Structures are given as structure tokens and as C-alpha cells.
Amino acid sequence: MEQEKQEITFAQRLRDGWQNVKQTNLRAQAHYVVFRTAQHIKQQNSLWLYYQQRFVSDWLKWLGIGAGLTGLLMLLNPDGIWRWQLLWIVLGVLSAPLLTDLVLTLQTLLTEYPGKHFIGQVITLEQGITDGKGSTRLDNQLWQLAGSDCPPQTQVRIIAINDRTLYVTPLNQVA
């Protein structure tokens, strides 16, 4: 069998390749390649279009940020930066939308924490709170509770959160 593969000439390989091409649907493959390429370009252009829209809508803000960064650089090194003022302003203006997006993304990542949306909600305790500790299930997750002792079926308001502990206070204090 190895000898048969070696004996095939270039012309025979060419003919076999042409037969394979004729058997496949080239038109469908070409459409698929064009479709995938267009989808790839659209994905790349969507980021570019987003940047363009942000830049055009707030260009005065970006100009102010670029000039402010240049002024700060000039304040730190007044002798060396004056020749590069225009370049620094242009770079600041062009990079400001990207930097502000980065800052906003980092800010939301650092300020968002699980359970934040529970603060202020009123819940009914399935199990009571004893010795200042308890637990409850919210959104299919087990949460630790901390607060004054309460019997089961007491309505409490969530007033704070720390890690996986919800701090609660009873709505109706029984005297």
C-alpha cells in the first residue's frame, strides 16, 4: 500500500484533487467564508464604532482631559515637555475614552459585591436568630444572619452586609 501511494504521479494527484473540488459545493463554501469574514469584521468594527461614538459625543470632555494631563506633565517637568505639548494633547484626547472606560470598569468591579441588592428588603425568618446568629436562604444561596435574637417567622429588615453575613433588625420589637 505504501508503494501504491508513492507511485501516484503529480498529474494523478492533481486530477484527484480536482475531482474532490468538483464533488464539494464550492459556492456554499465560498458563501460560508464570506459570511464568517463579515461576522469577524463586524465584531472588530463594533468596538471601533463604540469608540468613535464615545469620542464624538464627548469630544470636549476628552479635549479637557488631554489638556489637563498635558498641563500636569508640564507642571512636573516644565523644561522637557514644552516641545511635545501638541503631541501629548492629541495622545491624551485619543486615549481618554479608553482610560475612562477602564476606570469605570474597575470601579464597578470593586464596588459591586454579592448581596448588595438585599439591603433594605424585608424577609421572614424560617429559622430564628439565637445568640445573635442565624441563617436563611435567599436566591438559592445560604446566607448567615447577624442581629438581635428573634423567633422563627419574624419579619426582619436587612440593614447591612459584610462578606456572606446579612445584618438584620426586627420590624416589630415585642416588649
Protein backbone atom coordinates (compact mmCIF):
# COMPACT_ATOMS: atom_id res chain seq x y z
CA MET A 1 0.00 0.00 0.00
CA GLU A 2 2.89 2.34 0.76
CA GLN A 3 4.28 1.64 -2.68
CA GLU A 4 0.94 2.49 -4.33
CA LYS A 5 0.87 5.91 -2.65
CA GLN A 6 4.41 6.61 -3.77
CA GLU A 7 3.71 5.61 -7.38
CA ILE A 8 0.95 8.25 -7.80
CA THR A 9 2.26 10.98 -10.03
CA PHE A 10 1.75 14.68 -9.63
CA ALA A 11 -0.73 14.73 -12.51
CA GLN A 12 -2.79 12.00 -10.87
CA ARG A 13 -2.81 13.87 -7.58
CA LEU A 14 -3.92 16.98 -9.45
CA ARG A 15 -6.77 15.09 -11.12
CA ASP A 16 -7.85 13.56 -7.79
CA GLY A 17 -7.80 16.98 -6.17
CA TRP A 18 -9.89 18.45 -8.99
CA GLN A 19 -12.42 15.61 -8.61
CA ASN A 20 -12.69 16.36 -4.88
CA VAL A 21 -13.24 20.03 -5.62
CA LYS A 22 -15.93 19.23 -8.19
CA GLN A 23 -17.72 16.99 -5.69
CA THR A 24 -17.87 19.60 -2.95
CA ASN A 25 -20.19 22.57 -3.15
CA LEU A 26 -17.76 25.43 -3.73
CA ARG A 27 -20.49 28.02 -3.88
CA ALA A 28 -21.73 27.13 -0.41
CA GLN A 29 -18.20 27.11 0.95
CA ALA A 30 -17.50 30.50 -0.59
CA HIS A 31 -20.69 31.93 0.93
CA TYR A 32 -19.71 30.50 4.29
CA VAL A 33 -16.23 32.02 4.11
CA VAL A 34 -17.67 35.42 3.16
CA PHE A 35 -20.23 35.19 5.98
CA ARG A 36 -17.63 34.28 8.63
CA THR A 37 -15.30 37.02 7.43
CA ALA A 38 -18.10 39.59 7.54
CA GLN A 39 -19.06 38.49 11.07
CA HIS A 40 -15.45 38.79 12.19
CA ILE A 41 -15.17 42.28 10.71
CA LYS A 42 -18.45 43.35 12.33
CA GLN A 43 -17.21 42.20 15.72
CA GLN A 44 -13.99 44.13 15.30
CA ASN A 45 -15.79 47.19 13.96
CA SER A 46 -18.31 47.21 16.79
CA LEU A 47 -15.56 48.15 19.22
CA TRP A 48 -14.27 50.74 16.79
CA LEU A 49 -17.77 52.18 16.27
CA TYR A 50 -18.33 52.29 20.04
CA TYR A 51 -15.07 54.20 20.46
CA GLN A 52 -16.00 56.60 17.64
CA GLN A 53 -19.43 57.29 19.14
CA ARG A 54 -17.96 57.93 22.58
CA PHE A 55 -15.26 60.16 21.13
CA VAL A 56 -17.63 62.26 19.00
CA SER A 57 -20.32 62.60 21.66
CA ASP A 58 -17.98 63.91 24.37
CA TRP A 59 -15.04 65.32 22.44
CA LEU A 60 -14.92 68.48 24.57
CA LYS A 61 -14.55 66.38 27.70
CA TRP A 62 -11.74 64.35 26.07
CA LEU A 63 -10.03 67.57 24.95
CA GLY A 64 -10.18 68.86 28.51
CA ILE A 65 -8.75 65.62 29.89
CA GLY A 66 -5.95 65.63 27.31
CA ALA A 67 -5.08 69.26 28.03
CA GLY A 68 -5.25 68.61 31.76
CA LEU A 69 -2.87 65.65 31.50
CA THR A 70 -0.50 67.75 29.41
CA GLY A 71 -0.69 70.58 31.93
CA LEU A 72 0.08 68.15 34.73
CA LEU A 73 3.08 66.79 32.81
CA MET A 74 4.29 70.34 32.14
CA LEU A 75 3.93 71.18 35.82
CA LEU A 76 6.05 68.17 36.78
CA ASN A 77 8.74 68.78 34.15
CA PRO A 78 8.46 72.28 32.64
CA ASP A 79 11.79 72.24 30.80
CA GLY A 80 11.43 68.99 28.86
CA ILE A 81 7.78 68.82 27.91
CA TRP A 82 7.02 72.12 26.15
CA ARG A 83 8.21 70.84 22.74
CA TRP A 84 5.84 67.89 22.97
CA GLN A 85 2.72 69.76 24.11
CA LEU A 86 0.64 69.19 20.99
CA LEU A 87 1.57 65.52 20.78
CA TRP A 88 0.67 64.95 24.43
CA ILE A 89 -2.67 66.72 23.99
CA VAL A 90 -3.51 64.60 20.92
CA LEU A 91 -2.49 61.39 22.70
CA GLY A 92 -4.47 62.41 25.76
CA VAL A 93 -7.56 63.20 23.70
CA LEU A 94 -7.37 59.92 21.79
CA SER A 95 -6.71 57.75 24.84
CA ALA A 96 -9.12 59.47 27.26
CA PRO A 97 -12.24 57.46 26.25
CA LEU A 98 -10.32 54.22 26.67
CA LEU A 99 -8.91 55.26 30.03
CA THR A 100 -12.30 56.40 31.34
CA ASP A 101 -13.86 53.09 30.27
CA LEU A 102 -11.10 51.26 32.11
CA VAL A 103 -11.61 53.35 35.24
CA LEU A 104 -15.41 52.84 35.15
CA THR A 105 -14.99 49.09 34.67
CA LEU A 106 -12.59 48.84 37.58
CA GLN A 107 -14.86 50.99 39.71
CA THR A 108 -17.88 48.77 39.11
CA LEU A 109 -15.84 45.63 39.76
CA LEU A 110 -14.55 46.99 43.05
CA THR A 111 -17.85 48.44 44.30
CA GLU A 112 -20.21 45.65 43.30
CA TYR A 113 -20.47 42.82 45.78
CA PRO A 114 -22.87 39.90 46.09
CA GLY A 115 -25.97 40.57 48.13
CA LYS A 116 -25.91 44.35 47.74
CA HIS A 117 -29.43 44.28 46.31
CA PHE A 118 -30.76 42.66 49.53
CA ILE A 119 -30.14 45.78 51.63
CA GLY A 120 -33.48 47.30 52.65
CA GLN A 121 -35.53 44.17 51.89
CA VAL A 122 -37.90 42.71 54.45
CA ILE A 123 -37.70 38.93 54.87
CA THR A 124 -39.47 36.43 57.08
CA LEU A 125 -37.15 34.19 59.06
CA GLU A 126 -37.58 30.46 58.52
CA GLN A 127 -35.30 29.75 61.47
CA GLY A 128 -34.91 32.04 64.43
CA ILE A 129 -31.82 34.00 65.35
CA THR A 130 -30.22 32.72 68.55
CA ASP A 131 -27.17 34.21 70.26
CA GLY A 132 -27.09 36.87 67.55
CA LYS A 133 -26.54 34.35 64.74
CA GLY A 134 -28.73 32.55 62.25
CA SER A 135 -29.05 31.62 58.60
CA THR A 136 -31.51 31.95 55.77
CA ARG A 137 -31.78 31.03 52.12
CA LEU A 138 -32.12 33.89 49.60
CA ASP A 139 -31.89 33.44 45.83
CA ASN A 140 -30.98 29.77 46.36
CA GLN A 141 -27.92 30.73 48.43
CA LEU A 142 -27.35 30.23 52.11
CA TRP A 143 -26.62 33.49 53.95
CA GLN A 144 -25.50 33.98 57.55
CA LEU A 145 -27.60 36.37 59.63
CA ALA A 146 -26.49 38.59 62.48
CA GLY A 147 -28.75 40.64 64.71
CA SER A 148 -30.83 40.58 67.85
CA ASP A 149 -32.42 37.27 68.87
CA CYS A 150 -35.74 36.59 67.10
CA PRO A 151 -38.09 33.61 66.97
CA PRO A 152 -38.93 31.92 63.65
CA GLN A 153 -41.49 33.65 61.36
CA THR A 154 -40.33 37.11 62.49
CA GLN A 155 -40.12 39.76 59.80
CA VAL A 156 -36.74 41.48 59.70
CA ARG A 157 -35.19 44.18 57.54
CA ILE A 158 -31.72 43.71 56.08
CA ILE A 159 -29.71 46.79 57.04
CA ALA A 160 -26.14 45.90 56.05
CA ILE A 161 -23.94 43.21 54.53
CA ASN A 162 -20.37 42.13 55.20
CA ASP A 163 -18.89 39.20 53.28
CA ARG A 164 -21.59 36.49 53.49
CA THR A 165 -23.28 37.89 56.62
CA LEU A 166 -26.51 39.88 56.44
CA TYR A 167 -27.14 42.22 59.38
CA VAL A 168 -30.83 42.41 60.23
CA THR A 169 -33.14 44.23 62.61
CA PRO A 170 -36.66 43.09 63.51
CA LEU A 171 -39.53 45.19 62.18
CA ASN A 172 -41.76 44.84 65.25
CA GLN A 173 -39.92 44.69 68.56
CA VAL A 174 -42.05 42.74 71.05
CA ALA A 175 -41.69 44.24 74.53
